[in-house]
């Protein structure tokens, strides 16, 4: 009986994992200087969702600085950019904003 419960628990865990994985969570947060024209943009296969004054995206395989540069190319200069809750410093943000198109 214990083995059956263990198997059932493992199967239940596998069934809920895809839903959690699909949501992705917020890893990157970008606050543009001007409101973005679209509610969502895609950078290098990563979907950014923009609501209110900020855009957010799940973790990517790209380096953090590259993700910042990619998003400024799509939505313009940023007031702030954070990675997993840690904000970019002034120099990092300036370098990122230099790539705005």
PDB file of N, CA and C in Angstrom:
ATOM      1  N   UNK A   1       0.817  -1.195   0.000  1.00  0.00           N
ATOM      2  CA  UNK A   1       0.000   0.000   0.000  1.00  0.00           C
ATOM      3  C   UNK A   1       0.863   1.263   0.000  1.00  0.00           C
ATOM      4  N   UNK A   2       1.934   1.233   0.777  1.00  0.00           N
ATOM      5  CA  UNK A   2       2.822   2.390   0.839  1.00  0.00           C
ATOM      6  C   UNK A   2       3.451   2.650  -0.516  1.00  0.00           C
ATOM      7  N   UNK A   3       3.826   1.574  -1.203  1.00  0.00           N
ATOM      8  CA  UNK A   3       4.431   1.722  -2.527  1.00  0.00           C
ATOM      9  C   UNK A   3       3.443   2.330  -3.516  1.00  0.00           C
ATOM     10  N   UNK A   4       2.195   1.920  -3.452  1.00  0.00           N
ATOM     11  CA  UNK A   4       1.164   2.462  -4.326  1.00  0.00           C
ATOM     12  C   UNK A   4       0.977   3.963  -4.080  1.00  0.00           C
ATOM     13  N   UNK A   5       0.992   4.368  -2.819  1.00  0.00           N
ATOM     14  CA  UNK A   5       0.858   5.784  -2.499  1.00  0.00           C
ATOM     15  C   UNK A   5       2.058   6.577  -3.014  1.00  0.00           C
ATOM     16  N   UNK A   6       3.258   5.994  -2.928  1.00  0.00           N
ATOM     17  CA  UNK A   6       4.459   6.670  -3.429  1.00  0.00           C
ATOM     18  C   UNK A   6       4.373   6.882  -4.929  1.00  0.00           C
ATOM     19  N   UNK A   7       3.930   5.850  -5.639  1.00  0.00           N
ATOM     20  CA  UNK A   7       3.786   5.950  -7.094  1.00  0.00           C
ATOM     21  C   UNK A   7       2.729   6.993  -7.446  1.00  0.00           C
ATOM     22  N   UNK A   8       1.617   6.986  -6.732  1.00  0.00           N
ATOM     23  CA  UNK A   8       0.546   7.945  -6.998  1.00  0.00           C
ATOM     24  C   UNK A   8       1.034   9.381  -6.752  1.00  0.00           C
ATOM     25  N   UNK A   9       1.793   9.574  -5.697  1.00  0.00           N
ATOM     26  CA  UNK A   9       2.319  10.909  -5.403  1.00  0.00           C
ATOM     27  C   UNK A   9       3.292  11.359  -6.487  1.00  0.00           C
ATOM     28  N   UNK A  10       4.121  10.451  -6.975  1.00  0.00           N
ATOM     29  CA  UNK A  10       5.078  10.790  -8.029  1.00  0.00           C
ATOM     30  C   UNK A  10       4.353  11.170  -9.319  1.00  0.00           C
ATOM     31  N   UNK A  11       3.328  10.420  -9.664  1.00  0.00           N
ATOM     32  CA  UNK A  11       2.554  10.716 -10.867  1.00  0.00           C
ATOM     33  C   UNK A  11       1.850  12.067 -10.730  1.00  0.00           C
ATOM     34  N   UNK A  12       1.287  12.338  -9.561  1.00  0.00           N
ATOM     35  CA  UNK A  12       0.612  13.624  -9.340  1.00  0.00           C
ATOM     36  C   UNK A  12       1.605  14.772  -9.470  1.00  0.00           C
ATOM     37  N   UNK A  13       2.814  14.587  -8.977  1.00  0.00           N
ATOM     38  CA  UNK A  13       3.848  15.616  -9.101  1.00  0.00           C
ATOM     39  C   UNK A  13       4.212  15.870 -10.545  1.00  0.00           C
ATOM     40  N   UNK A  14       4.308  14.831 -11.335  1.00  0.00           N
ATOM     41  CA  UNK A  14       4.623  14.988 -12.754  1.00  0.00           C
ATOM     42  C   UNK A  14       3.509  15.690 -13.513  1.00  0.00           C
ATOM     43  N   UNK A  15       2.288  15.476 -13.090  1.00  0.00           N
ATOM     44  CA  UNK A  15       1.165  16.096 -13.789  1.00  0.00           C
ATOM     45  C   UNK A  15       1.091  17.597 -13.505  1.00  0.00           C
ATOM     46  N   UNK A  16       1.522  18.041 -12.332  1.00  0.00           N
ATOM     47  CA  UNK A  16       1.461  19.469 -12.021  1.00  0.00           C
ATOM     48  C   UNK A  16       2.705  20.200 -12.487  1.00  0.00           C
ATOM     49  N   UNK A  17       3.802  19.515 -12.714  1.00  0.00           N
ATOM     50  CA  UNK A  17       5.052  20.159 -13.125  1.00  0.00           C
ATOM     51  C   UNK A  17       4.926  20.925 -14.442  1.00  0.00           C
ATOM     52  N   UNK A  18       4.276  20.371 -15.482  1.00  0.00           N
ATOM     53  CA  UNK A  18       4.191  21.120 -16.735  1.00  0.00           C
ATOM     54  C   UNK A  18       3.479  22.466 -16.583  1.00  0.00           C
ATOM     55  N   UNK A  19       2.449  22.530 -15.753  1.00  0.00           N
ATOM     56  CA  UNK A  19       1.736  23.794 -15.562  1.00  0.00           C
ATOM     57  C   UNK A  19       2.653  24.824 -14.915  1.00  0.00           C
ATOM     58  N   UNK A  20       3.399  24.413 -13.910  1.00  0.00           N
ATOM     59  CA  UNK A  20       4.321  25.337 -13.252  1.00  0.00           C
ATOM     60  C   UNK A  20       5.434  25.752 -14.210  1.00  0.00           C
ATOM     61  N   UNK A  21       5.936  24.828 -15.008  1.00  0.00           N
ATOM     62  CA  UNK A  21       6.998  25.125 -15.961  1.00  0.00           C
ATOM     63  C   UNK A  21       6.504  26.078 -17.042  1.00  0.00           C
ATOM     64  N   UNK A  22       5.272  25.869 -17.491  1.00  0.00           N
ATOM     65  CA  UNK A  22       4.718  26.715 -18.557  1.00  0.00           C
ATOM     66  C   UNK A  22       4.571  28.156 -18.101  1.00  0.00           C
ATOM     67  N   UNK A  23       4.238  28.369 -16.827  1.00  0.00           N
ATOM     68  CA  UNK A  23       4.090  29.730 -16.334  1.00  0.00           C
ATOM     69  C   UNK A  23       5.427  30.452 -16.312  1.00  0.00           C
ATOM     70  N   UNK A  24       6.491  29.713 -16.030  1.00  0.00           N
ATOM     71  CA  UNK A  24       7.823  30.276 -16.102  1.00  0.00           C
ATOM     72  C   UNK A  24       8.202  31.174 -14.945  1.00  0.00           C
ATOM     73  N   UNK A  25       7.319  32.010 -14.501  1.00  0.00           N
ATOM     74  CA  UNK A  25       7.653  32.938 -13.437  1.00  0.00           C
ATOM     75  C   UNK A  25       8.413  34.134 -13.975  1.00  0.00           C
ATOM     76  N   UNK A  26       8.579  35.121 -13.133  1.00  0.00           N
ATOM     77  CA  UNK A  26       9.297  36.330 -13.525  1.00  0.00           C
ATOM     78  C   UNK A  26      10.727  36.248 -13.045  1.00  0.00           C
ATOM     79  N   UNK A  27      11.651  36.381 -13.962  1.00  0.00           N
ATOM     80  CA  UNK A  27      13.071  36.389 -13.640  1.00  0.00           C
ATOM     81  C   UNK A  27      13.678  37.736 -14.010  1.00  0.00           C
ATOM     82  N   UNK A  28      13.254  38.260 -15.148  1.00  0.00           N
ATOM     83  CA  UNK A  28      13.707  39.575 -15.614  1.00  0.00           C
ATOM     84  C   UNK A  28      12.564  40.572 -15.462  1.00  0.00           C
ATOM     85  N   UNK A  29      12.896  41.788 -15.057  1.00  0.00           N
ATOM     86  CA  UNK A  29      11.915  42.849 -14.952  1.00  0.00           C
ATOM     87  C   UNK A  29      12.515  44.125 -15.549  1.00  0.00           C
ATOM     88  N   UNK A  30      11.824  44.688 -16.523  1.00  0.00           N
ATOM     89  CA  UNK A  30      12.302  45.894 -17.211  1.00  0.00           C
ATOM     90  C   UNK A  30      11.243  46.983 -17.106  1.00  0.00           C
ATOM     91  N   UNK A  31      11.666  48.164 -16.691  1.00  0.00           N
ATOM     92  CA  UNK A  31      10.753  49.306 -16.630  1.00  0.00           C
ATOM     93  C   UNK A  31      11.215  50.317 -17.683  1.00  0.00           C
ATOM     94  N   UNK A  32      10.475  50.408 -18.798  1.00  0.00           N
ATOM     95  CA  UNK A  32      10.888  51.322 -19.869  1.00  0.00           C
ATOM     96  C   UNK A  32      10.625  52.784 -19.518  1.00  0.00           C
ATOM     97  N   UNK A  33      11.374  53.677 -20.153  1.00  0.00           N
ATOM     98  CA  UNK A  33      11.187  55.117 -19.974  1.00  0.00           C
ATOM     99  C   UNK A  33       9.810  55.512 -20.497  1.00  0.00           C
ATOM    100  N   UNK A  34       9.452  55.022 -21.678  1.00  0.00           N
ATOM    101  CA  UNK A  34       8.136  55.282 -22.284  1.00  0.00           C
ATOM    102  C   UNK A  34       7.349  53.971 -22.327  1.00  0.00           C
ATOM    103  N   UNK A  35       6.051  54.074 -22.167  1.00  0.00           N
ATOM    104  CA  UNK A  35       5.208  52.880 -22.196  1.00  0.00           C
ATOM    105  C   UNK A  35       5.393  52.135 -23.515  1.00  0.00           C
ATOM    106  N   UNK A  36       5.564  50.810 -23.459  1.00  0.00           N
ATOM    107  CA  UNK A  36       5.728  50.052 -24.700  1.00  0.00           C
ATOM    108  C   UNK A  36       4.456  50.071 -25.550  1.00  0.00           C
ATOM    109  N   UNK A  37       4.635  50.011 -26.848  1.00  0.00           N
ATOM    110  CA  UNK A  37       3.507  50.056 -27.780  1.00  0.00           C
ATOM    111  C   UNK A  37       2.709  48.757 -27.779  1.00  0.00           C
ATOM    112  N   UNK A  38       3.349  47.651 -27.389  1.00  0.00           N
ATOM    113  CA  UNK A  38       2.693  46.347 -27.409  1.00  0.00           C
ATOM    114  C   UNK A  38       2.645  45.759 -26.006  1.00  0.00           C
ATOM    115  N   UNK A  39       1.691  44.835 -25.801  1.00  0.00           N
ATOM    116  CA  UNK A  39       1.567  44.156 -24.512  1.00  0.00           C
ATOM    117  C   UNK A  39       2.567  43.023 -24.345  1.00  0.00           C
ATOM    118  N   UNK A  40       3.167  42.603 -25.455  1.00  0.00           N
ATOM    119  CA  UNK A  40       4.169  41.540 -25.374  1.00  0.00           C
ATOM    120  C   UNK A  40       5.158  41.676 -26.524  1.00  0.00           C
ATOM    121  N   UNK A  41       6.386  41.251 -26.264  1.00  0.00           N
ATOM    122  CA  UNK A  41       7.429  41.213 -27.288  1.00  0.00           C
ATOM    123  C   UNK A  41       8.228  39.934 -27.088  1.00  0.00           C
ATOM    124  N   UNK A  42       8.892  39.502 -28.147  1.00  0.00           N
ATOM    125  CA  UNK A  42       9.724  38.306 -28.071  1.00  0.00           C
ATOM    126  C   UNK A  42      11.156  38.701 -28.399  1.00  0.00           C
ATOM    127  N   UNK A  43      12.082  38.288 -27.525  1.00  0.00           N
ATOM    128  CA  UNK A  43      13.500  38.529 -27.763  1.00  0.00           C
ATOM    129  C   UNK A  43      14.222  37.187 -27.692  1.00  0.00           C
ATOM    130  N   UNK A  44      14.840  36.807 -28.760  1.00  0.00           N
ATOM    131  CA  UNK A  44      15.630  35.574 -28.796  1.00  0.00           C
ATOM    132  C   UNK A  44      14.872  34.381 -28.209  1.00  0.00           C
ATOM    133  N   UNK A  45      13.588  34.284 -28.549  1.00  0.00           N
ATOM    134  CA  UNK A  45      12.769  33.167 -28.093  1.00  0.00           C
ATOM    135  C   UNK A  45      12.179  33.331 -26.707  1.00  0.00           C
ATOM    136  N   UNK A  46      12.392  34.468 -26.059  1.00  0.00           N
ATOM    137  CA  UNK A  46      11.845  34.714 -24.722  1.00  0.00           C
ATOM    138  C   UNK A  46      10.682  35.687 -24.830  1.00  0.00           C
ATOM    139  N   UNK A  47       9.544  35.302 -24.255  1.00  0.00           N
ATOM    140  CA  UNK A  47       8.343  36.134 -24.288  1.00  0.00           C
ATOM    141  C   UNK A  47       8.347  37.105 -23.113  1.00  0.00           C
ATOM    142  N   UNK A  48       8.292  38.387 -23.421  1.00  0.00           N
ATOM    143  CA  UNK A  48       8.168  39.451 -22.433  1.00  0.00           C
ATOM    144  C   UNK A  48       6.714  39.885 -22.411  1.00  0.00           C
ATOM    145  N   UNK A  49       6.114  39.967 -21.221  1.00  0.00           N
ATOM    146  CA  UNK A  49       4.740  40.449 -21.067  1.00  0.00           C
ATOM    147  C   UNK A  49       4.797  41.806 -20.381  1.00  0.00           C
ATOM    148  N   UNK A  50       4.144  42.782 -21.000  1.00  0.00           N
ATOM    149  CA  UNK A  50       4.160  44.145 -20.485  1.00  0.00           C
ATOM    150  C   UNK A  50       2.783  44.502 -19.940  1.00  0.00           C
ATOM    151  N   UNK A  51       2.755  44.854 -18.669  1.00  0.00           N
ATOM    152  CA  UNK A  51       1.529  45.310 -18.021  1.00  0.00           C
ATOM    153  C   UNK A  51       1.875  46.498 -17.148  1.00  0.00           C
ATOM    154  N   UNK A  52       1.060  47.531 -17.245  1.00  0.00           N
ATOM    155  CA  UNK A  52       1.350  48.736 -16.475  1.00  0.00           C
ATOM    156  C   UNK A  52       2.688  49.320 -16.889  1.00  0.00           C
ATOM    157  N   UNK A  53       3.500  49.710 -15.917  1.00  0.00           N
ATOM    158  CA  UNK A  53       4.766  50.366 -16.259  1.00  0.00           C
ATOM    159  C   UNK A  53       5.939  49.413 -16.497  1.00  0.00           C
ATOM    160  N   UNK A  54       5.719  48.098 -16.389  1.00  0.00           N
ATOM    161  CA  UNK A  54       6.848  47.169 -16.458  1.00  0.00           C
ATOM    162  C   UNK A  54       6.601  46.005 -17.405  1.00  0.00           C
ATOM    163  N   UNK A  55       7.711  45.428 -17.870  1.00  0.00           N
ATOM    164  CA  UNK A  55       7.678  44.219 -18.683  1.00  0.00           C
ATOM    165  C   UNK A  55       8.471  43.144 -17.929  1.00  0.00           C
ATOM    166  N   UNK A  56       8.005  41.909 -18.003  1.00  0.00           N
ATOM    167  CA  UNK A  56       8.690  40.839 -17.303  1.00  0.00           C
ATOM    168  C   UNK A  56       8.798  39.605 -18.191  1.00  0.00           C
ATOM    169  N   UNK A  57       9.780  38.766 -17.853  1.00  0.00           N
ATOM    170  CA  UNK A  57      10.029  37.555 -18.641  1.00  0.00           C
ATOM    171  C   UNK A  57      10.619  36.478 -17.740  1.00  0.00           C
ATOM    172  N   UNK A  58      10.433  35.208 -18.135  1.00  0.00           N
ATOM    173  CA  UNK A  58      11.063  34.120 -17.395  1.00  0.00           C
ATOM    174  C   UNK A  58      12.553  34.031 -17.709  1.00  0.00           C
ATOM    175  N   UNK A  59      13.262  33.232 -16.970  1.00  0.00           N
ATOM    176  CA  UNK A  59      14.702  33.060 -17.171  1.00  0.00           C
ATOM    177  C   UNK A  59      14.987  32.536 -18.578  1.00  0.00           C
ATOM    178  N   UNK A  60      16.070  33.023 -19.135  1.00  0.00           N
ATOM    179  CA  UNK A  60      16.499  32.652 -20.477  1.00  0.00           C
ATOM    180  C   UNK A  60      17.869  31.990 -20.415  1.00  0.00           C
ATOM    181  N   UNK A  61      18.284  31.434 -21.529  1.00  0.00           N
ATOM    182  CA  UNK A  61      19.629  30.865 -21.605  1.00  0.00           C
ATOM    183  C   UNK A  61      20.667  31.939 -21.926  1.00  0.00           C
ATOM    184  N   UNK A  62      20.204  33.133 -22.295  1.00  0.00           N
ATOM    185  CA  UNK A  62      21.116  34.244 -22.607  1.00  0.00           C
ATOM    186  C   UNK A  62      21.700  34.823 -21.318  1.00  0.00           C
ATOM    187  N   UNK A  63      22.855  35.469 -21.427  1.00  0.00           N
ATOM    188  CA  UNK A  63      23.414  36.188 -20.277  1.00  0.00           C
ATOM    189  C   UNK A  63      22.500  37.358 -19.933  1.00  0.00           C
ATOM    190  N   UNK A  64      22.541  37.781 -18.694  1.00  0.00           N
ATOM    191  CA  UNK A  64      21.656  38.843 -18.222  1.00  0.00           C
ATOM    192  C   UNK A  64      21.855  40.153 -18.987  1.00  0.00           C
ATOM    193  N   UNK A  65      23.095  40.538 -19.229  1.00  0.00           N
ATOM    194  CA  UNK A  65      23.369  41.776 -19.964  1.00  0.00           C
ATOM    195  C   UNK A  65      22.810  41.704 -21.381  1.00  0.00           C
ATOM    196  N   UNK A  66      22.901  40.538 -21.996  1.00  0.00           N
ATOM    197  CA  UNK A  66      22.359  40.356 -23.353  1.00  0.00           C
ATOM    198  C   UNK A  66      20.843  40.477 -23.332  1.00  0.00           C
ATOM    199  N   UNK A  67      20.195  39.909 -22.317  1.00  0.00           N
ATOM    200  CA  UNK A  67      18.734  40.019 -22.227  1.00  0.00           C
ATOM    201  C   UNK A  67      18.314  41.483 -22.105  1.00  0.00           C
ATOM    202  N   UNK A  68      19.059  42.248 -21.330  1.00  0.00           N
ATOM    203  CA  UNK A  68      18.759  43.675 -21.202  1.00  0.00           C
ATOM    204  C   UNK A  68      18.896  44.360 -22.557  1.00  0.00           C
ATOM    205  N   UNK A  69      19.987  44.092 -23.248  1.00  0.00           N
ATOM    206  CA  UNK A  69      20.213  44.716 -24.553  1.00  0.00           C
ATOM    207  C   UNK A  69      19.140  44.321 -25.557  1.00  0.00           C
ATOM    208  N   UNK A  70      18.721  43.075 -25.531  1.00  0.00           N
ATOM    209  CA  UNK A  70      17.686  42.620 -26.455  1.00  0.00           C
ATOM    210  C   UNK A  70      16.357  43.311 -26.186  1.00  0.00           C
ATOM    211  N   UNK A  71      16.015  43.475 -24.917  1.00  0.00           N
ATOM    212  CA  UNK A  71      14.717  44.095 -24.622  1.00  0.00           C
ATOM    213  C   UNK A  71      14.735  45.594 -24.939  1.00  0.00           C
ATOM    214  N   UNK A  72      15.852  46.287 -24.729  1.00  0.00           N
ATOM    215  CA  UNK A  72      15.867  47.714 -25.080  1.00  0.00           C
ATOM    216  C   UNK A  72      15.778  47.909 -26.590  1.00  0.00           C
ATOM    217  N   UNK A  73      16.264  46.952 -27.351  1.00  0.00           N
ATOM    218  CA  UNK A  73      16.137  47.042 -28.808  1.00  0.00           C
ATOM    219  C   UNK A  73      14.677  46.933 -29.242  1.00  0.00           C
ATOM    220  N   UNK A  74      13.855  46.281 -28.429  1.00  0.00           N
ATOM    221  CA  UNK A  74      12.446  46.082 -28.776  1.00  0.00           C
ATOM    222  C   UNK A  74      11.515  47.125 -28.158  1.00  0.00           C
ATOM    223  N   UNK A  75      11.813  47.585 -26.916  1.00  0.00           N
ATOM    224  CA  UNK A  75      10.877  48.487 -26.245  1.00  0.00           C
ATOM    225  C   UNK A  75      11.456  49.863 -25.929  1.00  0.00           C
ATOM    226  N   UNK A  76      12.748  50.069 -26.201  1.00  0.00           N
ATOM    227  CA  UNK A  76      13.364  51.369 -25.946  1.00  0.00           C
ATOM    228  C   UNK A  76      14.103  51.418 -24.620  1.00  0.00           C
ATOM    229  N   UNK A  77      14.641  52.594 -24.330  1.00  0.00           N
ATOM    230  CA  UNK A  77      15.464  52.795 -23.130  1.00  0.00           C
ATOM    231  C   UNK A  77      14.693  52.443 -21.857  1.00  0.00           C
ATOM    232  N   UNK A  78      15.443  52.006 -20.853  1.00  0.00           N
ATOM    233  CA  UNK A  78      14.850  51.558 -19.596  1.00  0.00           C
ATOM    234  C   UNK A  78      15.189  52.489 -18.439  1.00  0.00           C
ATOM    235  N   UNK A  79      14.222  52.624 -17.523  1.00  0.00           N
ATOM    236  CA  UNK A  79      14.468  53.302 -16.244  1.00  0.00           C
ATOM    237  C   UNK A  79      15.207  52.355 -15.308  1.00  0.00           C
ATOM    238  N   UNK A  80      14.827  51.064 -15.379  1.00  0.00           N
ATOM    239  CA  UNK A  80      15.467  50.063 -14.523  1.00  0.00           C
ATOM    240  C   UNK A  80      15.362  48.689 -15.162  1.00  0.00           C
ATOM    241  N   UNK A  81      16.276  47.816 -14.752  1.00  0.00           N
ATOM    242  CA  UNK A  81      16.287  46.427 -15.211  1.00  0.00           C
ATOM    243  C   UNK A  81      16.772  45.591 -14.041  1.00  0.00           C
ATOM    244  N   UNK A  82      16.034  44.536 -13.721  1.00  0.00           N
ATOM    245  CA  UNK A  82      16.459  43.666 -12.625  1.00  0.00           C
ATOM    246  C   UNK A  82      16.422  42.208 -13.053  1.00  0.00           C
ATOM    247  N   UNK A  83      17.297  41.449 -12.414  1.00  0.00           N
ATOM    248  CA  UNK A  83      17.441  40.029 -12.691  1.00  0.00           C
ATOM    249  C   UNK A  83      17.239  39.278 -11.384  1.00  0.00           C
ATOM    250  N   UNK A  84      16.184  38.484 -11.343  1.00  0.00           N
ATOM    251  CA  UNK A  84      15.864  37.706 -10.148  1.00  0.00           C
ATOM    252  C   UNK A  84      15.811  38.607  -8.909  1.00  0.00           C
ATOM    253  N   UNK A  85      15.232  39.792  -9.072  1.00  0.00           N
ATOM    254  CA  UNK A  85      15.073  40.723  -7.965  1.00  0.00           C
ATOM    255  C   UNK A  85      16.260  41.637  -7.701  1.00  0.00           C
ATOM    256  N   UNK A  86      17.374  41.438  -8.393  1.00  0.00           N
ATOM    257  CA  UNK A  86      18.562  42.256  -8.193  1.00  0.00           C
ATOM    258  C   UNK A  86      18.676  43.303  -9.300  1.00  0.00           C
ATOM    259  N   UNK A  87      18.589  44.597  -8.961  1.00  0.00           N
ATOM    260  CA  UNK A  87      18.640  45.631 -10.005  1.00  0.00           C
ATOM    261  C   UNK A  87      20.035  45.796 -10.594  1.00  0.00           C
ATOM    262  N   UNK A  88      20.061  46.141 -11.873  1.00  0.00           N
ATOM    263  CA  UNK A  88      21.316  46.524 -12.524  1.00  0.00           C
ATOM    264  C   UNK A  88      21.810  47.812 -11.887  1.00  0.00           C
ATOM    265  N   UNK A  89      23.115  47.963 -11.791  1.00  0.00           N
ATOM    266  CA  UNK A  89      23.706  49.214 -11.334  1.00  0.00           C
ATOM    267  C   UNK A  89      23.618  50.263 -12.428  1.00  0.00           C
ATOM    268  N   UNK A  90      23.961  51.500 -12.084  1.00  0.00           N
ATOM    269  CA  UNK A  90      23.869  52.612 -13.033  1.00  0.00           C
ATOM    270  C   UNK A  90      24.722  52.380 -14.273  1.00  0.00           C
ATOM    271  N   UNK A  91      25.941  51.873 -14.094  1.00  0.00           N
ATOM    272  CA  UNK A  91      26.827  51.642 -15.244  1.00  0.00           C
ATOM    273  C   UNK A  91      26.297  50.527 -16.135  1.00  0.00           C
ATOM    274  N   UNK A  92      25.790  49.460 -15.523  1.00  0.00           N
ATOM    275  CA  UNK A  92      25.229  48.346 -16.306  1.00  0.00           C
ATOM    276  C   UNK A  92      24.016  48.803 -17.093  1.00  0.00           C
ATOM    277  N   UNK A  93      23.156  49.590 -16.446  1.00  0.00           N
ATOM    278  CA  UNK A  93      21.957  50.078 -17.115  1.00  0.00           C
ATOM    279  C   UNK A  93      22.306  51.037 -18.250  1.00  0.00           C
ATOM    280  N   UNK A  94      23.297  51.892 -18.031  1.00  0.00           N
ATOM    281  CA  UNK A  94      23.737  52.824 -19.092  1.00  0.00           C
ATOM    282  C   UNK A  94      24.264  52.054 -20.292  1.00  0.00           C
ATOM    283  N   UNK A  95      25.056  51.024 -20.058  1.00  0.00           N
ATOM    284  CA  UNK A  95      25.591  50.190 -21.149  1.00  0.00           C
ATOM    285  C   UNK A  95      24.439  49.520 -21.896  1.00  0.00           C
ATOM    286  N   UNK A  96      23.480  49.013 -21.154  1.00  0.00           N
ATOM    287  CA  UNK A  96      22.323  48.367 -21.765  1.00  0.00           C
ATOM    288  C   UNK A  96      21.543  49.379 -22.612  1.00  0.00           C
ATOM    289  N   UNK A  97      21.264  50.544 -22.060  1.00  0.00           N
ATOM    290  CA  UNK A  97      20.492  51.572 -22.786  1.00  0.00           C
ATOM    291  C   UNK A  97      21.208  52.102 -24.011  1.00  0.00           C
ATOM    292  N   UNK A  98      22.519  51.945 -24.062  1.00  0.00           N
ATOM    293  CA  UNK A  98      23.254  52.402 -25.247  1.00  0.00           C
ATOM    294  C   UNK A  98      22.881  51.578 -26.482  1.00  0.00           C
ATOM    295  N   UNK A  99      22.223  50.450 -26.268  1.00  0.00           N
ATOM    296  CA  UNK A  99      21.820  49.574 -27.389  1.00  0.00           C
ATOM    297  C   UNK A  99      20.397  49.848 -27.849  1.00  0.00           C
ATOM    298  N   UNK A 100      19.721  50.805 -27.222  1.00  0.00           N
ATOM    299  CA  UNK A 100      18.326  51.113 -27.600  1.00  0.00           C
ATOM    300  C   UNK A 100      18.265  51.559 -29.052  1.00  0.00           C
ATOM    301  N   UNK A 101      17.250  51.078 -29.756  1.00  0.00           N
ATOM    302  CA  UNK A 101      17.153  51.389 -31.176  1.00  0.00           C
ATOM    303  C   UNK A 101      16.153  52.371 -31.513  1.00  0.00           C
TER     304      UNK A 101
END
